[in-house]
Amino acid sequence: MTNIEPPSSKTLIKATLVSIVSVAIILVLVVLPAEYGVDPTGLGEATGLTDLNAEPTFTIEITDVIGGNEIIREVEIPGFGVPTPLPNPAVFQNQETPPETRTMEVMIPTERETEIKLVMQEGKAAVYSWSVDTGDVYVDFHGHDASFGPDFFVRYKEQQEGSNGSGSLTAPFSGEHGWYWLNYNEFDVVITLTVTGYFDDVIDYGLF
């Protein structure tokens, strides 16, 4: 009959230490990158383990209109249910102050014209509404960026005849964004404009 001697205390301690070290190595090299996205050694990224913990994303196409030209760009956005703001200011904006509201009335004599512009930073948003007290007017809603020169402008909407308008704008660039009105009637008109949003100033260019 073979006698089996139990391992010595020294052997047990050595085996325990080896097990602890092995578990620690597996934890650092495999578990942390794959489960928690923590990669202290860089091995997780090199082997693709960190991708297992990456938040789901997908790509959409966004069309920008700059200077009358359409520019299509791809934007990677978070997957469904991931509470991360989209990289598109038209979708979400986090502001530290409430939006400002201004209402103004502009009298335009017959066959005269005027412009009112919002000074806005790129990505800031505003909503607006305007109406004329009687008759129709010509209106052109557009934006200017001085850095591109005095002849550059982006047209958002043109109305040959209109008595009111409303909508919203997320500024595609920093500059002036607003309205040109022409009173082609044989009588004076009064336009009431209300804007709410994040703008630096409202410029009334007066009558031309």
C-alpha atoms as a PDB file:
ATOM      1  CA  MET A   1       0.000   0.000   0.000  1.00  0.00           C
ATOM      2  CA  THR A   2       1.366   3.360  -1.112  1.00  0.00           C
ATOM      3  CA  ASN A   3       1.551   6.074   1.461  1.00  0.00           C
ATOM      4  CA  ILE A   4       0.574   9.515   0.164  1.00  0.00           C
ATOM      5  CA  GLU A   5       2.011  12.295   2.175  1.00  0.00           C
ATOM      6  CA  PRO A   6       0.005  15.526   2.335  1.00  0.00           C
ATOM      7  CA  PRO A   7       1.697  18.585   0.788  1.00  0.00           C
ATOM      8  CA  SER A   8       3.711  20.664   3.091  1.00  0.00           C
ATOM      9  CA  SER A   9       2.621  24.096   4.235  1.00  0.00           C
ATOM     10  CA  LYS A  10       5.357  25.614   2.093  1.00  0.00           C
ATOM     11  CA  THR A  11       4.024  23.863  -1.009  1.00  0.00           C
ATOM     12  CA  LEU A  12       0.443  24.984  -0.284  1.00  0.00           C
ATOM     13  CA  ILE A  13       1.503  28.590   0.213  1.00  0.00           C
ATOM     14  CA  LYS A  14       3.494  28.508  -3.034  1.00  0.00           C
ATOM     15  CA  ALA A  15       0.548  27.037  -4.959  1.00  0.00           C
ATOM     16  CA  THR A  16      -1.810  29.630  -3.485  1.00  0.00           C
ATOM     17  CA  LEU A  17       0.492  32.490  -4.432  1.00  0.00           C
ATOM     18  CA  VAL A  18       0.801  31.143  -7.984  1.00  0.00           C
ATOM     19  CA  SER A  19      -3.001  30.946  -8.250  1.00  0.00           C
ATOM     20  CA  ILE A  20      -3.457  34.510  -6.963  1.00  0.00           C
ATOM     21  CA  VAL A  21      -0.876  35.849  -9.403  1.00  0.00           C
ATOM     22  CA  SER A  22      -2.481  33.944 -12.287  1.00  0.00           C
ATOM     23  CA  VAL A  23      -5.940  35.271 -11.445  1.00  0.00           C
ATOM     24  CA  ALA A  24      -4.566  38.809 -11.148  1.00  0.00           C
ATOM     25  CA  ILE A  25      -2.904  38.547 -14.563  1.00  0.00           C
ATOM     26  CA  ILE A  26      -6.096  37.232 -16.157  1.00  0.00           C
ATOM     27  CA  LEU A  27      -8.069  40.014 -14.455  1.00  0.00           C
ATOM     28  CA  VAL A  28      -5.769  42.769 -15.724  1.00  0.00           C
ATOM     29  CA  LEU A  29      -5.150  41.374 -19.205  1.00  0.00           C
ATOM     30  CA  VAL A  30      -8.586  39.930 -20.056  1.00  0.00           C
ATOM     31  CA  VAL A  31     -11.450  40.690 -17.672  1.00  0.00           C
ATOM     32  CA  LEU A  32     -10.915  44.428 -17.177  1.00  0.00           C
ATOM     33  CA  PRO A  33     -10.591  45.264 -20.918  1.00  0.00           C
ATOM     34  CA  ALA A  34     -13.435  42.981 -22.011  1.00  0.00           C
ATOM     35  CA  GLU A  35     -15.943  43.672 -19.243  1.00  0.00           C
ATOM     36  CA  TYR A  36     -15.182  47.211 -18.066  1.00  0.00           C
ATOM     37  CA  GLY A  37     -13.183  48.812 -20.867  1.00  0.00           C
ATOM     38  CA  VAL A  38     -10.199  49.310 -18.546  1.00  0.00           C
ATOM     39  CA  ASP A  39      -6.964  48.517 -20.374  1.00  0.00           C
ATOM     40  CA  PRO A  40      -3.904  49.422 -18.248  1.00  0.00           C
ATOM     41  CA  THR A  41      -1.468  47.397 -20.373  1.00  0.00           C
ATOM     42  CA  GLY A  42      -2.810  48.186 -23.859  1.00  0.00           C
ATOM     43  CA  LEU A  43      -3.129  44.490 -24.638  1.00  0.00           C
ATOM     44  CA  GLY A  44      -6.918  44.710 -24.645  1.00  0.00           C
ATOM     45  CA  GLU A  45      -6.945  47.255 -27.464  1.00  0.00           C
ATOM     46  CA  ALA A  46      -4.313  45.325 -29.390  1.00  0.00           C
ATOM     47  CA  THR A  47      -6.274  42.077 -29.187  1.00  0.00           C
ATOM     48  CA  GLY A  48      -9.727  43.648 -29.647  1.00  0.00           C
ATOM     49  CA  LEU A  49     -10.952  42.804 -26.150  1.00  0.00           C
ATOM     50  CA  THR A  50     -11.925  46.423 -25.432  1.00  0.00           C
ATOM     51  CA  ASP A  51     -14.332  46.340 -28.408  1.00  0.00           C
ATOM     52  CA  LEU A  52     -16.443  43.857 -26.472  1.00  0.00           C
ATOM     53  CA  ASN A  53     -17.269  46.612 -23.960  1.00  0.00           C
ATOM     54  CA  ALA A  54     -17.662  49.450 -26.490  1.00  0.00           C
ATOM     55  CA  GLU A  55     -20.992  51.253 -26.628  1.00  0.00           C
ATOM     56  CA  PRO A  56     -23.006  50.398 -29.737  1.00  0.00           C
ATOM     57  CA  THR A  57     -22.872  53.019 -32.466  1.00  0.00           C
ATOM     58  CA  PHE A  58     -24.063  53.438 -36.022  1.00  0.00           C
ATOM     59  CA  THR A  59     -23.485  55.973 -38.762  1.00  0.00           C
ATOM     60  CA  ILE A  60     -25.980  58.348 -40.370  1.00  0.00           C
ATOM     61  CA  GLU A  61     -25.597  60.848 -43.185  1.00  0.00           C
ATOM     62  CA  ILE A  62     -26.279  64.545 -42.500  1.00  0.00           C
ATOM     63  CA  THR A  63     -26.711  67.020 -45.351  1.00  0.00           C
ATOM     64  CA  ASP A  64     -25.413  70.552 -44.774  1.00  0.00           C
ATOM     65  CA  VAL A  65     -26.201  73.375 -47.185  1.00  0.00           C
ATOM     66  CA  ILE A  66     -23.376  75.909 -47.263  1.00  0.00           C
ATOM     67  CA  GLY A  67     -23.339  78.674 -49.848  1.00  0.00           C
ATOM     68  CA  GLY A  68     -25.990  76.905 -51.875  1.00  0.00           C
ATOM     69  CA  ASN A  69     -23.939  73.709 -52.068  1.00  0.00           C
ATOM     70  CA  GLU A  70     -24.983  70.454 -50.424  1.00  0.00           C
ATOM     71  CA  ILE A  71     -22.288  68.788 -48.353  1.00  0.00           C
ATOM     72  CA  ILE A  72     -22.986  65.266 -47.101  1.00  0.00           C
ATOM     73  CA  ARG A  73     -21.045  64.135 -44.061  1.00  0.00           C
ATOM     74  CA  GLU A  74     -21.169  60.908 -42.091  1.00  0.00           C
ATOM     75  CA  VAL A  75     -21.684  61.178 -38.341  1.00  0.00           C
ATOM     76  CA  GLU A  76     -21.267  58.325 -35.890  1.00  0.00           C
ATOM     77  CA  ILE A  77     -23.969  58.426 -33.241  1.00  0.00           C
ATOM     78  CA  PRO A  78     -24.598  56.260 -30.160  1.00  0.00           C
ATOM     79  CA  GLY A  79     -26.774  53.213 -30.394  1.00  0.00           C
ATOM     80  CA  PHE A  80     -30.329  53.082 -29.110  1.00  0.00           C
ATOM     81  CA  GLY A  81     -30.641  53.664 -25.380  1.00  0.00           C
ATOM     82  CA  VAL A  82     -27.148  55.056 -24.867  1.00  0.00           C
ATOM     83  CA  PRO A  83     -27.573  58.393 -22.986  1.00  0.00           C
ATOM     84  CA  THR A  84     -24.978  60.342 -24.949  1.00  0.00           C
ATOM     85  CA  PRO A  85     -25.741  63.607 -26.805  1.00  0.00           C
ATOM     86  CA  LEU A  86     -25.559  63.289 -30.570  1.00  0.00           C
ATOM     87  CA  PRO A  87     -22.692  65.164 -32.264  1.00  0.00           C
ATOM     88  CA  ASN A  88     -25.216  67.377 -34.060  1.00  0.00           C
ATOM     89  CA  PRO A  89     -26.366  70.670 -32.473  1.00  0.00           C
ATOM     90  CA  ALA A  90     -29.650  70.497 -34.384  1.00  0.00           C
ATOM     91  CA  VAL A  91     -30.625  67.519 -32.228  1.00  0.00           C
ATOM     92  CA  PHE A  92     -29.653  68.559 -28.713  1.00  0.00           C
ATOM     93  CA  GLN A  93     -28.146  71.603 -27.037  1.00  0.00           C
ATOM     94  CA  ASN A  94     -27.277  71.928 -23.386  1.00  0.00           C
ATOM     95  CA  GLN A  95     -27.345  75.589 -22.304  1.00  0.00           C
ATOM     96  CA  GLU A  96     -26.515  77.240 -18.996  1.00  0.00           C
ATOM     97  CA  THR A  97     -29.012  80.092 -19.469  1.00  0.00           C
ATOM     98  CA  PRO A  98     -32.645  80.192 -20.610  1.00  0.00           C
ATOM     99  CA  PRO A  99     -33.402  81.280 -24.179  1.00  0.00           C
ATOM    100  CA  GLU A 100     -34.058  84.956 -24.851  1.00  0.00           C
ATOM    101  CA  THR A 101     -37.265  86.244 -26.438  1.00  0.00           C
ATOM    102  CA  ARG A 102     -37.618  89.511 -28.339  1.00  0.00           C
ATOM    103  CA  THR A 103     -40.610  90.985 -30.158  1.00  0.00           C
ATOM    104  CA  MET A 104     -40.320  94.010 -32.419  1.00  0.00           C
ATOM    105  CA  GLU A 105     -42.484  95.896 -34.890  1.00  0.00           C
ATOM    106  CA  VAL A 106     -41.120  97.362 -38.119  1.00  0.00           C
ATOM    107  CA  MET A 107     -43.054  99.823 -40.259  1.00  0.00           C
ATOM    108  CA  ILE A 108     -42.161  99.642 -43.952  1.00  0.00           C
ATOM    109  CA  PRO A 109     -43.466 102.410 -46.220  1.00  0.00           C
ATOM    110  CA  THR A 110     -44.611 101.594 -49.724  1.00  0.00           C
ATOM    111  CA  GLU A 111     -41.823 100.481 -52.077  1.00  0.00           C
ATOM    112  CA  ARG A 112     -39.259 100.442 -49.260  1.00  0.00           C
ATOM    113  CA  GLU A 113     -37.237  97.563 -47.845  1.00  0.00           C
ATOM    114  CA  THR A 114     -35.505  96.578 -44.605  1.00  0.00           C
ATOM    115  CA  GLU A 115     -33.407  93.874 -42.964  1.00  0.00           C
ATOM    116  CA  ILE A 116     -33.348  92.455 -39.438  1.00  0.00           C
ATOM    117  CA  LYS A 117     -30.596  90.030 -38.472  1.00  0.00           C
ATOM    118  CA  LEU A 118     -29.841  87.781 -35.515  1.00  0.00           C
ATOM    119  CA  VAL A 119     -26.186  87.582 -34.521  1.00  0.00           C
ATOM    120  CA  MET A 120     -25.702  83.881 -33.738  1.00  0.00           C
ATOM    121  CA  GLN A 121     -22.801  81.589 -32.999  1.00  0.00           C
ATOM    122  CA  GLU A 122     -22.394  78.376 -34.950  1.00  0.00           C
ATOM    123  CA  GLY A 123     -24.663  75.631 -33.648  1.00  0.00           C
ATOM    124  CA  LYS A 124     -26.954  77.936 -31.656  1.00  0.00           C
ATOM    125  CA  ALA A 125     -30.687  77.618 -32.276  1.00  0.00           C
ATOM    126  CA  ALA A 126     -33.626  80.005 -32.510  1.00  0.00           C
ATOM    127  CA  VAL A 127     -37.305  79.808 -33.399  1.00  0.00           C
ATOM    128  CA  TYR A 128     -39.190  82.663 -34.992  1.00  0.00           C
ATOM    129  CA  SER A 129     -42.523  83.916 -36.286  1.00  0.00           C
ATOM    130  CA  TRP A 130     -43.461  87.045 -38.196  1.00  0.00           C
ATOM    131  CA  SER A 131     -46.619  88.491 -39.687  1.00  0.00           C
ATOM    132  CA  VAL A 132     -47.657  91.598 -41.622  1.00  0.00           C
ATOM    133  CA  ASP A 133     -50.703  93.618 -40.557  1.00  0.00           C
ATOM    134  CA  THR A 134     -52.164  93.851 -44.055  1.00  0.00           C
ATOM    135  CA  GLY A 135     -51.324  92.674 -47.543  1.00  0.00           C
ATOM    136  CA  ASP A 136     -48.358  90.578 -48.627  1.00  0.00           C
ATOM    137  CA  VAL A 137     -44.632  91.314 -48.790  1.00  0.00           C
ATOM    138  CA  TYR A 138     -41.560  89.791 -50.356  1.00  0.00           C
ATOM    139  CA  VAL A 139     -39.272  88.093 -47.830  1.00  0.00           C
ATOM    140  CA  ASP A 140     -35.890  86.401 -48.049  1.00  0.00           C
ATOM    141  CA  PHE A 141     -34.572  84.490 -44.999  1.00  0.00           C
ATOM    142  CA  HIS A 142     -30.798  84.091 -45.263  1.00  0.00           C
ATOM    143  CA  GLY A 143     -27.457  84.197 -43.454  1.00  0.00           C
ATOM    144  CA  HIS A 144     -24.094  85.952 -43.877  1.00  0.00           C
ATOM    145  CA  ASP A 145     -20.608  84.991 -42.725  1.00  0.00           C
ATOM    146  CA  ALA A 146     -18.245  87.962 -42.913  1.00  0.00           C
ATOM    147  CA  SER A 147     -15.176  85.715 -43.002  1.00  0.00           C
ATOM    148  CA  PHE A 148     -16.228  84.496 -46.465  1.00  0.00           C
ATOM    149  CA  GLY A 149     -16.516  88.009 -47.862  1.00  0.00           C
ATOM    150  CA  PRO A 150     -19.376  90.487 -48.405  1.00  0.00           C
ATOM    151  CA  ASP A 151     -20.903  88.540 -51.312  1.00  0.00           C
ATOM    152  CA  PHE A 152     -21.336  85.253 -49.443  1.00  0.00           C
ATOM    153  CA  PHE A 153     -24.769  84.292 -48.198  1.00  0.00           C
ATOM    154  CA  VAL A 154     -26.869  81.201 -47.548  1.00  0.00           C
ATOM    155  CA  ARG A 155     -30.547  81.370 -48.457  1.00  0.00           C
ATOM    156  CA  TYR A 156     -32.808  79.430 -46.101  1.00  0.00           C
ATOM    157  CA  LYS A 157     -36.182  80.408 -47.606  1.00  0.00           C
ATOM    158  CA  GLU A 158     -37.541  82.836 -50.186  1.00  0.00           C
ATOM    159  CA  GLN A 159     -41.170  83.936 -50.474  1.00  0.00           C
ATOM    160  CA  GLN A 160     -42.244  86.053 -53.416  1.00  0.00           C
ATOM    161  CA  GLU A 161     -45.537  86.780 -51.666  1.00  0.00           C
ATOM    162  CA  GLY A 162     -46.308  86.184 -48.020  1.00  0.00           C
ATOM    163  CA  SER A 163     -48.139  87.606 -45.045  1.00  0.00           C
ATOM    164  CA  ASN A 164     -46.500  85.475 -42.325  1.00  0.00           C
ATOM    165  CA  GLY A 165     -43.807  82.937 -41.624  1.00  0.00           C
ATOM    166  CA  SER A 166     -42.458  80.767 -38.837  1.00  0.00           C
ATOM    167  CA  GLY A 167     -39.785  78.190 -38.283  1.00  0.00           C
ATOM    168  CA  SER A 168     -36.476  77.469 -36.603  1.00  0.00           C
ATOM    169  CA  LEU A 169     -32.806  77.774 -37.410  1.00  0.00           C
ATOM    170  CA  THR A 170     -29.654  76.124 -36.118  1.00  0.00           C
ATOM    171  CA  ALA A 171     -26.893  78.431 -37.311  1.00  0.00           C
ATOM    172  CA  PRO A 172     -24.615  76.564 -39.759  1.00  0.00           C
ATOM    173  CA  PHE A 173     -21.879  79.130 -39.077  1.00  0.00           C
ATOM    174  CA  SER A 174     -21.241  82.116 -36.829  1.00  0.00           C
ATOM    175  CA  GLY A 175     -22.576  85.318 -38.344  1.00  0.00           C
ATOM    176  CA  GLU A 176     -25.794  87.189 -39.101  1.00  0.00           C
ATOM    177  CA  HIS A 177     -28.967  85.293 -39.878  1.00  0.00           C
ATOM    178  CA  GLY A 178     -32.265  86.983 -40.623  1.00  0.00           C
ATOM    179  CA  TRP A 179     -34.812  88.532 -42.934  1.00  0.00           C
ATOM    180  CA  TYR A 180     -35.032  90.928 -45.838  1.00  0.00           C
ATOM    181  CA  TRP A 181     -38.508  92.351 -46.460  1.00  0.00           C
ATOM    182  CA  LEU A 182     -39.728  94.405 -49.428  1.00  0.00           C
ATOM    183  CA  ASN A 183     -43.059  96.223 -49.333  1.00  0.00           C
ATOM    184  CA  TYR A 184     -44.301  96.326 -52.926  1.00  0.00           C
ATOM    185  CA  ASN A 185     -47.794  97.446 -51.904  1.00  0.00           C
ATOM    186  CA  GLU A 186     -49.250 100.913 -52.488  1.00  0.00           C
ATOM    187  CA  PHE A 187     -49.667 101.311 -48.736  1.00  0.00           C
ATOM    188  CA  ASP A 188     -47.489 101.095 -45.634  1.00  0.00           C
ATOM    189  CA  VAL A 189     -47.255  97.839 -43.704  1.00  0.00           C
ATOM    190  CA  VAL A 190     -46.176  96.846 -40.187  1.00  0.00           C
ATOM    191  CA  ILE A 191     -44.301  93.597 -39.622  1.00  0.00           C
ATOM    192  CA  THR A 192     -44.281  92.011 -36.170  1.00  0.00           C
ATOM    193  CA  LEU A 193     -41.344  89.680 -35.528  1.00  0.00           C
ATOM    194  CA  THR A 194     -40.843  87.432 -32.490  1.00  0.00           C
ATOM    195  CA  VAL A 195     -37.679  85.386 -31.976  1.00  0.00           C
ATOM    196  CA  THR A 196     -36.778  83.021 -29.150  1.00  0.00           C
ATOM    197  CA  GLY A 197     -33.446  81.301 -28.788  1.00  0.00           C
ATOM    198  CA  TYR A 198     -29.744  81.720 -28.221  1.00  0.00           C
ATOM    199  CA  PHE A 199     -28.477  84.771 -30.083  1.00  0.00           C
ATOM    200  CA  ASP A 200     -26.004  87.506 -29.196  1.00  0.00           C
ATOM    201  CA  ASP A 201     -27.890  90.462 -30.638  1.00  0.00           C
ATOM    202  CA  VAL A 202     -30.643  91.625 -32.991  1.00  0.00           C
ATOM    203  CA  ILE A 203     -29.637  94.172 -35.643  1.00  0.00           C
ATOM    204  CA  ASP A 204     -32.224  96.433 -37.279  1.00  0.00           C
ATOM    205  CA  TYR A 205     -30.652  97.788 -40.462  1.00  0.00           C
ATOM    206  CA  GLY A 206     -33.434 100.318 -40.961  1.00  0.00           C
ATOM    207  CA  LEU A 207     -35.092 101.299 -44.208  1.00  0.00           C
ATOM    208  CA  PHE A 208     -33.503 101.306 -47.659  1.00  0.00           C
END
